[in-house]
Amino acid sequence: MIRDRGPDLLRALALAGVVLGHWLVTAPGVPGAADGRVATGSPLAAMPGLAPVSWLLQTLALFFLVAGWAAARGTGGTPGTALLRRLALPVGALVAGVAGLATALAVTGAPQGVVRTVVVLSLRPLWFLGVYLVLRLATPLLVRLDARLGPAAAAVPLGLALAGPLLPAGTAATVGTTLAAWWVPWQLGVATARRPLGRGTCVALLGGGTAAVLLLVEVAGLPATAVGVPGAGASNLDPPSAATLALGLAQAGAAGLLLPVLRRARGPLADAAADAGRRALPVFLLHQPLFVLLWLATLPVAPLPGLHDVPDDAGWLLARAGWAALLALVLSRVLRPAPREAGRR
């Protein structure tokens, strides 16, 4: 069977947004001389003009949409127990590696702030896999829901997510809102797997979702950035806000319009992107630990521009872009397939 490269390329686009977003806005500083505390900043705090870029790089909804498509098609998952086993080894290896590094740092007298930064920045993205597992295991039910309601089934989780702020504040409300919010693009992915969304529907999702984001930010006063900013009183991601839901609808519309084009894409660049899309899990797991290792290994010669200094001007952004390019090169080398594997592709 010939693999559909369209979703692989969509996944690669989502992956690029997530990885670049993390690499460009995560800015841990130098440990304090007195207490060893590490302050983590963000260029979005000092340069609010970058806020629109954060919406372009916040591609989690696209990730969940492609995952829902693959799960519904039976090409992106396995039975529940086998799925857990498949994830257990790489995730367990990552957690064990980070725990071992943190223990070694603590034993050798590293400041507590450094140890905490290594653990938090390396493992924080793992929340995604928890939501993914819940939705993946629920996919047979979501397929039946789509059989009854079609693409309109996405209105069920959309309503639940929008009702989240009405619930008493607490962990349960946050978790419930988060699951419902990412269920929306997953359900749209299930719908796309079962029948192409019409062009009119895609245009309506893209235009309506984009307009809703602008209204919610400019008129309703939701945060101007798509991701959290250290020190800010509110975030569009924790839990996902109405603006994040609208962004997900816009990305679903864009995905529906792009899929026919991406399926026809050919050439070395398209092949490399499709391969990256197929290797999304190791890229997702390793991109932040690689950044943390770079930050940690260069602390003895800190501060280096764009890596340990305060992210407050265009010079910092230019330097950080260079570090991101270096990280991308290292990651591509780490994940380069062995010659025998490459020959089978």
C-alpha atoms as a PDB file:
ATOM      1  CA  MET A   1       0.000   0.000   0.000  1.00  0.00           C
ATOM      2  CA  ILE A   2       1.360   3.466  -0.925  1.00  0.00           C
ATOM      3  CA  ARG A   3       1.567   5.675   2.146  1.00  0.00           C
ATOM      4  CA  ASP A   4      -0.353   8.955   2.010  1.00  0.00           C
ATOM      5  CA  ARG A   5       2.414  11.572   2.328  1.00  0.00           C
ATOM      6  CA  GLY A   6      -0.009  14.477   2.832  1.00  0.00           C
ATOM      7  CA  PRO A   7      -0.548  13.872   6.560  1.00  0.00           C
ATOM      8  CA  ASP A   8       3.185  13.174   7.004  1.00  0.00           C
ATOM      9  CA  LEU A   9       3.954  16.608   5.582  1.00  0.00           C
ATOM     10  CA  LEU A  10       1.252  18.216   7.739  1.00  0.00           C
ATOM     11  CA  ARG A  11       2.809  16.504  10.763  1.00  0.00           C
ATOM     12  CA  ALA A  12       6.207  17.861   9.739  1.00  0.00           C
ATOM     13  CA  LEU A  13       4.767  21.394   9.606  1.00  0.00           C
ATOM     14  CA  ALA A  14       3.270  20.928  13.066  1.00  0.00           C
ATOM     15  CA  LEU A  15       6.549  19.538  14.350  1.00  0.00           C
ATOM     16  CA  ALA A  16       8.500  22.490  12.959  1.00  0.00           C
ATOM     17  CA  GLY A  17       6.184  24.921  14.734  1.00  0.00           C
ATOM     18  CA  VAL A  18       6.434  23.173  18.093  1.00  0.00           C
ATOM     19  CA  VAL A  19      10.212  22.669  17.965  1.00  0.00           C
ATOM     20  CA  LEU A  20      11.027  26.166  16.724  1.00  0.00           C
ATOM     21  CA  GLY A  21       8.570  27.662  19.182  1.00  0.00           C
ATOM     22  CA  HIS A  22      10.290  25.960  22.102  1.00  0.00           C
ATOM     23  CA  TRP A  23      13.798  26.745  20.885  1.00  0.00           C
ATOM     24  CA  LEU A  24      13.039  30.402  20.181  1.00  0.00           C
ATOM     25  CA  VAL A  25      11.110  31.378  23.321  1.00  0.00           C
ATOM     26  CA  THR A  26      12.660  29.261  26.104  1.00  0.00           C
ATOM     27  CA  ALA A  27      15.332  31.437  27.694  1.00  0.00           C
ATOM     28  CA  PRO A  28      16.852  30.160  30.963  1.00  0.00           C
ATOM     29  CA  GLY A  29      19.490  32.507  32.333  1.00  0.00           C
ATOM     30  CA  VAL A  30      22.614  32.108  34.428  1.00  0.00           C
ATOM     31  CA  PRO A  31      22.224  30.727  37.991  1.00  0.00           C
ATOM     32  CA  GLY A  32      22.137  33.477  40.592  1.00  0.00           C
ATOM     33  CA  ALA A  33      25.393  33.933  42.491  1.00  0.00           C
ATOM     34  CA  ALA A  34      23.670  33.985  45.879  1.00  0.00           C
ATOM     35  CA  ASP A  35      20.917  31.368  45.649  1.00  0.00           C
ATOM     36  CA  GLY A  36      21.604  29.497  42.378  1.00  0.00           C
ATOM     37  CA  ARG A  37      18.138  30.370  41.119  1.00  0.00           C
ATOM     38  CA  VAL A  38      17.635  30.230  37.343  1.00  0.00           C
ATOM     39  CA  ALA A  39      15.174  32.743  35.917  1.00  0.00           C
ATOM     40  CA  THR A  40      13.575  31.608  32.677  1.00  0.00           C
ATOM     41  CA  GLY A  41      12.529  34.449  30.413  1.00  0.00           C
ATOM     42  CA  SER A  42      10.906  34.825  27.006  1.00  0.00           C
ATOM     43  CA  PRO A  43      11.483  37.261  24.156  1.00  0.00           C
ATOM     44  CA  LEU A  44       7.702  37.645  24.002  1.00  0.00           C
ATOM     45  CA  ALA A  45       7.819  39.552  27.301  1.00  0.00           C
ATOM     46  CA  ALA A  46      10.300  42.199  26.155  1.00  0.00           C
ATOM     47  CA  MET A  47       9.277  42.293  22.483  1.00  0.00           C
ATOM     48  CA  PRO A  48       5.455  42.274  22.335  1.00  0.00           C
ATOM     49  CA  GLY A  49       5.615  42.898  18.594  1.00  0.00           C
ATOM     50  CA  LEU A  50       6.507  39.218  18.233  1.00  0.00           C
ATOM     51  CA  ALA A  51       3.084  38.136  19.550  1.00  0.00           C
ATOM     52  CA  PRO A  52       1.636  37.428  16.047  1.00  0.00           C
ATOM     53  CA  VAL A  53       4.557  35.078  15.325  1.00  0.00           C
ATOM     54  CA  SER A  54       3.637  33.016  18.388  1.00  0.00           C
ATOM     55  CA  TRP A  55       0.274  32.205  16.794  1.00  0.00           C
ATOM     56  CA  LEU A  56       1.991  30.914  13.644  1.00  0.00           C
ATOM     57  CA  LEU A  57       4.312  28.656  15.647  1.00  0.00           C
ATOM     58  CA  GLN A  58       1.620  27.301  17.997  1.00  0.00           C
ATOM     59  CA  THR A  59       0.755  24.232  15.930  1.00  0.00           C
ATOM     60  CA  LEU A  60      -0.387  21.748  18.582  1.00  0.00           C
ATOM     61  CA  ALA A  61      -3.898  21.612  17.122  1.00  0.00           C
ATOM     62  CA  LEU A  62      -2.418  20.564  13.780  1.00  0.00           C
ATOM     63  CA  PHE A  63      -0.520  17.811  15.591  1.00  0.00           C
ATOM     64  CA  PHE A  64      -3.706  16.495  17.182  1.00  0.00           C
ATOM     65  CA  LEU A  65      -5.643  16.749  13.918  1.00  0.00           C
ATOM     66  CA  VAL A  66      -3.099  14.582  12.068  1.00  0.00           C
ATOM     67  CA  ALA A  67      -3.000  12.145  14.990  1.00  0.00           C
ATOM     68  CA  GLY A  68      -6.781  11.824  14.899  1.00  0.00           C
ATOM     69  CA  TRP A  69      -6.661  11.249  11.127  1.00  0.00           C
ATOM     70  CA  ALA A  70      -4.019   8.526  11.494  1.00  0.00           C
ATOM     71  CA  ALA A  71      -5.813   6.829  14.394  1.00  0.00           C
ATOM     72  CA  ALA A  72      -9.102   6.750  12.492  1.00  0.00           C
ATOM     73  CA  ARG A  73      -7.374   5.349   9.404  1.00  0.00           C
ATOM     74  CA  GLY A  74      -5.556   2.748  11.477  1.00  0.00           C
ATOM     75  CA  THR A  75      -2.166   4.026  10.240  1.00  0.00           C
ATOM     76  CA  GLY A  76      -1.047   5.926  13.292  1.00  0.00           C
ATOM     77  CA  GLY A  77      -1.574   3.568  16.126  1.00  0.00           C
ATOM     78  CA  THR A  78      -1.868   0.056  17.464  1.00  0.00           C
ATOM     79  CA  PRO A  79      -4.132  -1.588  20.053  1.00  0.00           C
ATOM     80  CA  GLY A  80      -4.030   0.127  23.421  1.00  0.00           C
ATOM     81  CA  THR A  81      -1.652  -2.209  25.232  1.00  0.00           C
ATOM     82  CA  ALA A  82       0.731  -2.359  22.276  1.00  0.00           C
ATOM     83  CA  LEU A  83       0.639   1.435  22.028  1.00  0.00           C
ATOM     84  CA  LEU A  84       1.596   1.746  25.675  1.00  0.00           C
ATOM     85  CA  ARG A  85       4.474  -0.671  25.152  1.00  0.00           C
ATOM     86  CA  ARG A  86       5.653   1.238  22.091  1.00  0.00           C
ATOM     87  CA  LEU A  87       5.753   4.507  24.007  1.00  0.00           C
ATOM     88  CA  ALA A  88       7.108   3.059  27.251  1.00  0.00           C
ATOM     89  CA  LEU A  89      10.645   2.428  26.002  1.00  0.00           C
ATOM     90  CA  PRO A  90      11.499   5.865  24.529  1.00  0.00           C
ATOM     91  CA  VAL A  91       9.633   7.805  27.203  1.00  0.00           C
ATOM     92  CA  GLY A  92      11.101   5.650  29.977  1.00  0.00           C
ATOM     93  CA  ALA A  93      14.579   6.094  28.523  1.00  0.00           C
ATOM     94  CA  LEU A  94      14.126   9.863  28.420  1.00  0.00           C
ATOM     95  CA  VAL A  95      12.846  10.055  32.001  1.00  0.00           C
ATOM     96  CA  ALA A  96      15.634   7.780  33.234  1.00  0.00           C
ATOM     97  CA  GLY A  97      18.265   9.814  31.393  1.00  0.00           C
ATOM     98  CA  VAL A  98      16.990  13.115  32.780  1.00  0.00           C
ATOM     99  CA  ALA A  99      16.734  11.629  36.281  1.00  0.00           C
ATOM    100  CA  GLY A 100      20.292  10.306  36.031  1.00  0.00           C
ATOM    101  CA  LEU A 101      21.613  13.675  34.860  1.00  0.00           C
ATOM    102  CA  ALA A 102      19.738  15.526  37.604  1.00  0.00           C
ATOM    103  CA  THR A 103      21.097  13.125  40.241  1.00  0.00           C
ATOM    104  CA  ALA A 104      24.648  13.544  38.953  1.00  0.00           C
ATOM    105  CA  LEU A 105      24.308  17.321  39.011  1.00  0.00           C
ATOM    106  CA  ALA A 106      22.944  17.293  42.558  1.00  0.00           C
ATOM    107  CA  VAL A 107      25.696  14.956  43.813  1.00  0.00           C
ATOM    108  CA  THR A 108      28.399  17.130  42.278  1.00  0.00           C
ATOM    109  CA  GLY A 109      27.029  20.251  43.965  1.00  0.00           C
ATOM    110  CA  ALA A 110      25.155  21.973  41.145  1.00  0.00           C
ATOM    111  CA  PRO A 111      22.742  24.683  42.327  1.00  0.00           C
ATOM    112  CA  GLN A 112      19.201  23.508  42.939  1.00  0.00           C
ATOM    113  CA  GLY A 113      17.975  25.989  40.336  1.00  0.00           C
ATOM    114  CA  VAL A 114      20.096  24.323  37.666  1.00  0.00           C
ATOM    115  CA  VAL A 115      18.824  20.855  38.583  1.00  0.00           C
ATOM    116  CA  ARG A 116      15.234  22.043  38.544  1.00  0.00           C
ATOM    117  CA  THR A 117      15.663  23.770  35.168  1.00  0.00           C
ATOM    118  CA  VAL A 118      17.146  20.618  33.617  1.00  0.00           C
ATOM    119  CA  VAL A 119      14.234  18.483  34.815  1.00  0.00           C
ATOM    120  CA  VAL A 120      11.382  20.894  34.098  1.00  0.00           C
ATOM    121  CA  LEU A 121      12.475  22.021  30.639  1.00  0.00           C
ATOM    122  CA  SER A 122      13.352  18.475  29.524  1.00  0.00           C
ATOM    123  CA  LEU A 123      10.174  16.775  30.703  1.00  0.00           C
ATOM    124  CA  ARG A 124       7.476  19.451  30.543  1.00  0.00           C
ATOM    125  CA  PRO A 125       6.461  18.639  26.923  1.00  0.00           C
ATOM    126  CA  LEU A 126       5.487  15.101  28.002  1.00  0.00           C
ATOM    127  CA  TRP A 127       1.991  16.329  28.959  1.00  0.00           C
ATOM    128  CA  PHE A 128       1.229  16.070  25.233  1.00  0.00           C
ATOM    129  CA  LEU A 129       1.627  12.292  25.308  1.00  0.00           C
ATOM    130  CA  GLY A 130      -0.842  11.945  28.164  1.00  0.00           C
ATOM    131  CA  VAL A 131      -3.548  13.740  26.190  1.00  0.00           C
ATOM    132  CA  TYR A 132      -2.564  11.806  23.049  1.00  0.00           C
ATOM    133  CA  LEU A 133      -2.956   8.450  24.799  1.00  0.00           C
ATOM    134  CA  VAL A 134      -6.406   9.295  26.151  1.00  0.00           C
ATOM    135  CA  LEU A 135      -7.669  10.413  22.750  1.00  0.00           C
ATOM    136  CA  ARG A 136      -6.000   7.527  20.922  1.00  0.00           C
ATOM    137  CA  LEU A 137      -7.650   4.958  23.199  1.00  0.00           C
ATOM    138  CA  ALA A 138     -10.996   6.736  22.800  1.00  0.00           C
ATOM    139  CA  THR A 139     -10.786   6.836  18.981  1.00  0.00           C
ATOM    140  CA  PRO A 140     -13.170   3.877  18.351  1.00  0.00           C
ATOM    141  CA  LEU A 141     -15.844   5.830  20.253  1.00  0.00           C
ATOM    142  CA  LEU A 142     -14.975   9.026  18.385  1.00  0.00           C
ATOM    143  CA  VAL A 143     -15.310   7.234  15.044  1.00  0.00           C
ATOM    144  CA  ARG A 144     -18.803   6.118  16.053  1.00  0.00           C
ATOM    145  CA  LEU A 145     -19.597   9.687  17.074  1.00  0.00           C
ATOM    146  CA  ASP A 146     -18.458  10.864  13.646  1.00  0.00           C
ATOM    147  CA  ALA A 147     -20.635   8.204  11.988  1.00  0.00           C
ATOM    148  CA  ARG A 148     -23.647   9.766  13.701  1.00  0.00           C
ATOM    149  CA  LEU A 149     -22.866  13.463  13.414  1.00  0.00           C
ATOM    150  CA  GLY A 150     -20.150  13.839  10.777  1.00  0.00           C
ATOM    151  CA  PRO A 151     -17.775  16.810  11.144  1.00  0.00           C
ATOM    152  CA  ALA A 152     -20.367  18.467  13.406  1.00  0.00           C
ATOM    153  CA  ALA A 153     -19.263  15.980  16.100  1.00  0.00           C
ATOM    154  CA  ALA A 154     -16.435  18.429  16.870  1.00  0.00           C
ATOM    155  CA  ALA A 155     -19.080  20.727  18.366  1.00  0.00           C
ATOM    156  CA  VAL A 156     -19.385  18.323  21.333  1.00  0.00           C
ATOM    157  CA  PRO A 157     -15.843  18.821  22.677  1.00  0.00           C
ATOM    158  CA  LEU A 158     -15.908  22.463  21.564  1.00  0.00           C
ATOM    159  CA  GLY A 159     -18.888  23.109  23.831  1.00  0.00           C
ATOM    160  CA  LEU A 160     -17.256  21.243  26.700  1.00  0.00           C
ATOM    161  CA  ALA A 161     -14.028  23.229  26.337  1.00  0.00           C
ATOM    162  CA  LEU A 162     -15.857  26.564  26.171  1.00  0.00           C
ATOM    163  CA  ALA A 163     -17.764  25.608  29.336  1.00  0.00           C
ATOM    164  CA  GLY A 164     -14.501  24.901  31.172  1.00  0.00           C
ATOM    165  CA  PRO A 165     -14.088  28.437  32.613  1.00  0.00           C
ATOM    166  CA  LEU A 166     -17.559  28.123  34.198  1.00  0.00           C
ATOM    167  CA  LEU A 167     -16.373  25.233  36.387  1.00  0.00           C
ATOM    168  CA  PRO A 168     -14.836  25.775  39.830  1.00  0.00           C
ATOM    169  CA  ALA A 169     -11.117  26.417  39.449  1.00  0.00           C
ATOM    170  CA  GLY A 170      -8.914  23.424  40.190  1.00  0.00           C
ATOM    171  CA  THR A 171      -6.902  20.613  38.720  1.00  0.00           C
ATOM    172  CA  ALA A 172      -9.947  18.637  37.562  1.00  0.00           C
ATOM    173  CA  ALA A 173     -11.328  21.610  35.620  1.00  0.00           C
ATOM    174  CA  THR A 174      -7.951  22.298  34.030  1.00  0.00           C
ATOM    175  CA  VAL A 175      -7.453  18.678  32.984  1.00  0.00           C
ATOM    176  CA  GLY A 176     -11.018  18.393  31.672  1.00  0.00           C
ATOM    177  CA  THR A 177     -10.765  21.621  29.682  1.00  0.00           C
ATOM    178  CA  THR A 178      -7.390  20.572  28.262  1.00  0.00           C
ATOM    179  CA  LEU A 179      -8.696  17.178  27.115  1.00  0.00           C
ATOM    180  CA  ALA A 180     -11.819  18.706  25.571  1.00  0.00           C
ATOM    181  CA  ALA A 181      -9.851  21.439  23.795  1.00  0.00           C
ATOM    182  CA  TRP A 182      -7.473  19.037  22.045  1.00  0.00           C
ATOM    183  CA  TRP A 183     -10.311  16.616  21.356  1.00  0.00           C
ATOM    184  CA  VAL A 184     -11.705  19.254  18.946  1.00  0.00           C
ATOM    185  CA  PRO A 185      -8.909  19.011  16.328  1.00  0.00           C
ATOM    186  CA  TRP A 186      -8.622  15.251  16.942  1.00  0.00           C
ATOM    187  CA  GLN A 187     -12.333  14.849  16.125  1.00  0.00           C
ATOM    188  CA  LEU A 188     -11.869  16.960  13.003  1.00  0.00           C
ATOM    189  CA  GLY A 189      -8.984  14.673  12.075  1.00  0.00           C
ATOM    190  CA  VAL A 190     -11.292  11.678  12.447  1.00  0.00           C
ATOM    191  CA  ALA A 191     -13.827  13.438  10.207  1.00  0.00           C
ATOM    192  CA  THR A 192     -11.162  14.184   7.578  1.00  0.00           C
ATOM    193  CA  ALA A 193     -10.076  10.542   7.577  1.00  0.00           C
ATOM    194  CA  ARG A 194     -13.623   9.393   6.802  1.00  0.00           C
ATOM    195  CA  ARG A 195     -14.432  11.928   4.068  1.00  0.00           C
ATOM    196  CA  PRO A 196     -12.716  15.014   2.610  1.00  0.00           C
ATOM    197  CA  LEU A 197     -13.933  18.228   4.169  1.00  0.00           C
ATOM    198  CA  GLY A 198     -15.444  20.408   1.482  1.00  0.00           C
ATOM    199  CA  ARG A 199     -13.483  23.426   0.299  1.00  0.00           C
ATOM    200  CA  GLY A 200     -16.232  25.726   1.546  1.00  0.00           C
ATOM    201  CA  THR A 201     -16.074  24.142   4.988  1.00  0.00           C
ATOM    202  CA  CYS A 202     -12.293  24.538   5.084  1.00  0.00           C
ATOM    203  CA  VAL A 203     -12.456  28.185   4.023  1.00  0.00           C
ATOM    204  CA  ALA A 204     -15.116  28.845   6.667  1.00  0.00           C
ATOM    205  CA  LEU A 205     -13.002  27.187   9.381  1.00  0.00           C
ATOM    206  CA  LEU A 206      -9.874  29.096   8.356  1.00  0.00           C
ATOM    207  CA  GLY A 207     -11.562  32.470   7.995  1.00  0.00           C
ATOM    208  CA  GLY A 208     -13.886  32.114  10.973  1.00  0.00           C
ATOM    209  CA  GLY A 209     -11.192  30.757  13.266  1.00  0.00           C
ATOM    210  CA  THR A 210      -8.758  33.526  12.323  1.00  0.00           C
ATOM    211  CA  ALA A 211     -11.375  36.218  12.815  1.00  0.00           C
ATOM    212  CA  ALA A 212     -12.333  34.748  16.182  1.00  0.00           C
ATOM    213  CA  VAL A 213      -8.715  34.813  17.361  1.00  0.00           C
ATOM    214  CA  LEU A 214      -8.417  38.487  16.426  1.00  0.00           C
ATOM    215  CA  LEU A 215     -11.696  39.380  18.139  1.00  0.00           C
ATOM    216  CA  LEU A 216     -10.905  37.436  21.297  1.00  0.00           C
ATOM    217  CA  VAL A 217      -7.488  39.057  21.620  1.00  0.00           C
ATOM    218  CA  GLU A 218      -8.269  42.599  20.487  1.00  0.00           C
ATOM    219  CA  VAL A 219     -11.811  42.969  21.843  1.00  0.00           C
ATOM    220  CA  ALA A 220     -12.298  40.374  24.597  1.00  0.00           C
ATOM    221  CA  GLY A 221      -8.862  40.985  26.084  1.00  0.00           C
ATOM    222  CA  LEU A 222      -7.396  37.479  25.990  1.00  0.00           C
ATOM    223  CA  PRO A 223      -3.582  37.323  26.087  1.00  0.00           C
ATOM    224  CA  ALA A 224      -1.896  38.577  22.933  1.00  0.00           C
ATOM    225  CA  THR A 225       0.480  35.610  22.694  1.00  0.00           C
ATOM    226  CA  ALA A 226      -0.495  32.054  21.807  1.00  0.00           C
ATOM    227  CA  VAL A 227       1.861  30.616  24.434  1.00  0.00           C
ATOM    228  CA  GLY A 228       2.485  31.429  28.065  1.00  0.00           C
ATOM    229  CA  VAL A 229       4.892  34.212  29.019  1.00  0.00           C
ATOM    230  CA  PRO A 230       6.792  34.040  32.338  1.00  0.00           C
ATOM    231  CA  GLY A 231       5.311  36.512  34.794  1.00  0.00           C
ATOM    232  CA  ALA A 232       2.072  37.016  32.865  1.00  0.00           C
ATOM    233  CA  GLY A 233      -1.173  36.708  34.767  1.00  0.00           C
ATOM    234  CA  ALA A 234      -2.922  34.563  32.169  1.00  0.00           C
ATOM    235  CA  SER A 235      -2.075  32.148  29.372  1.00  0.00           C
ATOM    236  CA  ASN A 236      -3.910  30.911  26.292  1.00  0.00           C
ATOM    237  CA  LEU A 237      -2.501  27.404  26.826  1.00  0.00           C
ATOM    238  CA  ASP A 238      -2.926  26.638  30.534  1.00  0.00           C
ATOM    239  CA  PRO A 239      -5.677  25.606  30.082  1.00  0.00           C
ATOM    240  CA  PRO A 240      -6.455  26.197  26.385  1.00  0.00           C
ATOM    241  CA  SER A 241      -8.560  29.328  25.978  1.00  0.00           C
ATOM    242  CA  ALA A 242     -11.293  30.191  23.492  1.00  0.00           C
ATOM    243  CA  ALA A 243      -8.609  31.830  21.337  1.00  0.00           C
ATOM    244  CA  THR A 244      -6.624  28.588  21.253  1.00  0.00           C
ATOM    245  CA  LEU A 245      -9.789  26.718  20.244  1.00  0.00           C
ATOM    246  CA  ALA A 246     -10.358  29.243  17.453  1.00  0.00           C
ATOM    247  CA  LEU A 247      -6.759  28.833  16.322  1.00  0.00           C
ATOM    248  CA  GLY A 248      -7.297  25.056  16.158  1.00  0.00           C
ATOM    249  CA  LEU A 249     -10.359  25.524  13.932  1.00  0.00           C
ATOM    250  CA  ALA A 250      -8.373  27.830  11.653  1.00  0.00           C
ATOM    251  CA  GLN A 251      -5.541  25.283  11.420  1.00  0.00           C
ATOM    252  CA  ALA A 252      -8.031  22.524  10.613  1.00  0.00           C
ATOM    253  CA  GLY A 253      -9.360  24.622   7.732  1.00  0.00           C
ATOM    254  CA  ALA A 254      -5.842  25.366   6.499  1.00  0.00           C
ATOM    255  CA  ALA A 255      -4.964  21.669   6.722  1.00  0.00           C
ATOM    256  CA  GLY A 256      -7.957  20.708   4.600  1.00  0.00           C
ATOM    257  CA  LEU A 257      -6.918  23.215   1.936  1.00  0.00           C
ATOM    258  CA  LEU A 258      -3.263  22.160   2.027  1.00  0.00           C
ATOM    259  CA  LEU A 259      -3.718  18.387   1.942  1.00  0.00           C
ATOM    260  CA  PRO A 260      -4.363  18.080  -1.832  1.00  0.00           C
ATOM    261  CA  VAL A 261      -1.299  20.233  -2.515  1.00  0.00           C
ATOM    262  CA  LEU A 262       0.939  18.344  -0.099  1.00  0.00           C
ATOM    263  CA  ARG A 263      -0.076  14.987  -1.545  1.00  0.00           C
ATOM    264  CA  ARG A 264       1.385  16.099  -4.872  1.00  0.00           C
ATOM    265  CA  ALA A 265       4.621  17.467  -3.374  1.00  0.00           C
ATOM    266  CA  ARG A 266       7.773  15.810  -4.671  1.00  0.00           C
ATOM    267  CA  GLY A 267      11.500  16.414  -4.501  1.00  0.00           C
ATOM    268  CA  PRO A 268      14.305  16.089  -1.938  1.00  0.00           C
ATOM    269  CA  LEU A 269      12.912  18.751   0.400  1.00  0.00           C
ATOM    270  CA  ALA A 270       9.435  17.201   0.428  1.00  0.00           C
ATOM    271  CA  ASP A 271      10.943  13.747   0.967  1.00  0.00           C
ATOM    272  CA  ALA A 272      13.018  14.987   3.920  1.00  0.00           C
ATOM    273  CA  ALA A 273       9.982  16.714   5.445  1.00  0.00           C
ATOM    274  CA  ALA A 274       7.811  13.614   5.041  1.00  0.00           C
ATOM    275  CA  ASP A 275      10.519  11.520   6.704  1.00  0.00           C
ATOM    276  CA  ALA A 276      10.641  13.988   9.598  1.00  0.00           C
ATOM    277  CA  GLY A 277       6.862  13.712   9.907  1.00  0.00           C
ATOM    278  CA  ARG A 278       7.137   9.935  10.180  1.00  0.00           C
ATOM    279  CA  ARG A 279       9.787  10.305  12.911  1.00  0.00           C
ATOM    280  CA  ALA A 280       7.788  12.812  14.950  1.00  0.00           C
ATOM    281  CA  LEU A 281       8.006  10.947  18.272  1.00  0.00           C
ATOM    282  CA  PRO A 282      11.806  10.916  18.627  1.00  0.00           C
ATOM    283  CA  VAL A 283      12.017  14.514  17.396  1.00  0.00           C
ATOM    284  CA  PHE A 284       9.378  15.561  19.922  1.00  0.00           C
ATOM    285  CA  LEU A 285      11.060  13.713  22.790  1.00  0.00           C
ATOM    286  CA  LEU A 286      14.608  14.875  22.080  1.00  0.00           C
ATOM    287  CA  HIS A 287      14.328  18.487  20.967  1.00  0.00           C
ATOM    288  CA  GLN A 288      14.062  20.037  24.449  1.00  0.00           C
ATOM    289  CA  PRO A 289      16.643  17.776  26.158  1.00  0.00           C
ATOM    290  CA  LEU A 290      19.123  18.726  23.409  1.00  0.00           C
ATOM    291  CA  PHE A 291      18.504  22.411  24.093  1.00  0.00           C
ATOM    292  CA  VAL A 292      18.911  21.839  27.833  1.00  0.00           C
ATOM    293  CA  LEU A 293      22.202  19.969  27.283  1.00  0.00           C
ATOM    294  CA  LEU A 294      23.495  22.848  25.142  1.00  0.00           C
ATOM    295  CA  TRP A 295      22.532  25.396  27.804  1.00  0.00           C
ATOM    296  CA  LEU A 296      24.028  23.274  30.570  1.00  0.00           C
ATOM    297  CA  ALA A 297      27.286  22.428  28.775  1.00  0.00           C
ATOM    298  CA  THR A 298      27.978  26.096  28.011  1.00  0.00           C
ATOM    299  CA  LEU A 299      27.266  27.424  31.524  1.00  0.00           C
ATOM    300  CA  PRO A 300      30.998  27.422  32.408  1.00  0.00           C
ATOM    301  CA  VAL A 301      31.584  30.041  29.689  1.00  0.00           C
ATOM    302  CA  ALA A 302      28.279  31.882  30.169  1.00  0.00           C
ATOM    303  CA  PRO A 303      26.790  34.233  29.322  1.00  0.00           C
ATOM    304  CA  LEU A 304      26.745  33.472  25.615  1.00  0.00           C
ATOM    305  CA  PRO A 305      24.589  35.747  23.402  1.00  0.00           C
ATOM    306  CA  GLY A 306      21.216  34.214  22.657  1.00  0.00           C
ATOM    307  CA  LEU A 307      21.695  31.364  25.106  1.00  0.00           C
ATOM    308  CA  HIS A 308      22.134  32.664  28.676  1.00  0.00           C
ATOM    309  CA  ASP A 309      21.504  36.407  28.417  1.00  0.00           C
ATOM    310  CA  VAL A 310      18.266  38.352  28.774  1.00  0.00           C
ATOM    311  CA  PRO A 311      16.021  38.036  25.667  1.00  0.00           C
ATOM    312  CA  ASP A 312      15.300  41.708  25.191  1.00  0.00           C
ATOM    313  CA  ASP A 313      16.347  42.801  21.688  1.00  0.00           C
ATOM    314  CA  ALA A 314      16.711  41.805  18.063  1.00  0.00           C
ATOM    315  CA  GLY A 315      20.347  40.866  18.637  1.00  0.00           C
ATOM    316  CA  TRP A 316      19.257  38.160  21.047  1.00  0.00           C
ATOM    317  CA  LEU A 317      16.801  36.812  18.460  1.00  0.00           C
ATOM    318  CA  LEU A 318      19.466  36.693  15.773  1.00  0.00           C
ATOM    319  CA  ALA A 319      21.867  34.859  18.078  1.00  0.00           C
ATOM    320  CA  ARG A 320      19.155  32.437  19.211  1.00  0.00           C
ATOM    321  CA  ALA A 321      18.298  31.692  15.570  1.00  0.00           C
ATOM    322  CA  GLY A 322      21.914  30.605  15.125  1.00  0.00           C
ATOM    323  CA  TRP A 323      21.714  28.310  18.146  1.00  0.00           C
ATOM    324  CA  ALA A 324      18.416  26.895  16.808  1.00  0.00           C
ATOM    325  CA  ALA A 325      20.113  26.128  13.482  1.00  0.00           C
ATOM    326  CA  LEU A 326      22.898  24.318  15.349  1.00  0.00           C
ATOM    327  CA  LEU A 327      20.363  22.314  17.370  1.00  0.00           C
ATOM    328  CA  ALA A 328      18.485  21.378  14.185  1.00  0.00           C
ATOM    329  CA  LEU A 329      21.721  20.102  12.645  1.00  0.00           C
ATOM    330  CA  VAL A 330      22.589  18.046  15.744  1.00  0.00           C
ATOM    331  CA  LEU A 331      19.061  16.629  15.952  1.00  0.00           C
ATOM    332  CA  SER A 332      19.124  15.625  12.290  1.00  0.00           C
ATOM    333  CA  ARG A 333      22.434  13.833  12.841  1.00  0.00           C
ATOM    334  CA  VAL A 334      21.218  12.056  15.959  1.00  0.00           C
ATOM    335  CA  LEU A 335      18.103  10.794  14.176  1.00  0.00           C
ATOM    336  CA  ARG A 336      19.719  10.023  10.832  1.00  0.00           C
ATOM    337  CA  PRO A 337      18.597   6.520   9.825  1.00  0.00           C
ATOM    338  CA  ALA A 338      21.169   3.750   9.614  1.00  0.00           C
ATOM    339  CA  PRO A 339      22.232   2.864   6.030  1.00  0.00           C
ATOM    340  CA  ARG A 340      20.158  -0.349   6.005  1.00  0.00           C
ATOM    341  CA  GLU A 341      17.066   1.523   7.230  1.00  0.00           C
ATOM    342  CA  ALA A 342      17.635   4.336   4.751  1.00  0.00           C
ATOM    343  CA  GLY A 343      17.827   1.804   1.931  1.00  0.00           C
ATOM    344  CA  ARG A 344      14.328   0.552   2.717  1.00  0.00           C
ATOM    345  CA  ARG A 345      12.736   3.989   2.481  1.00  0.00           C
END
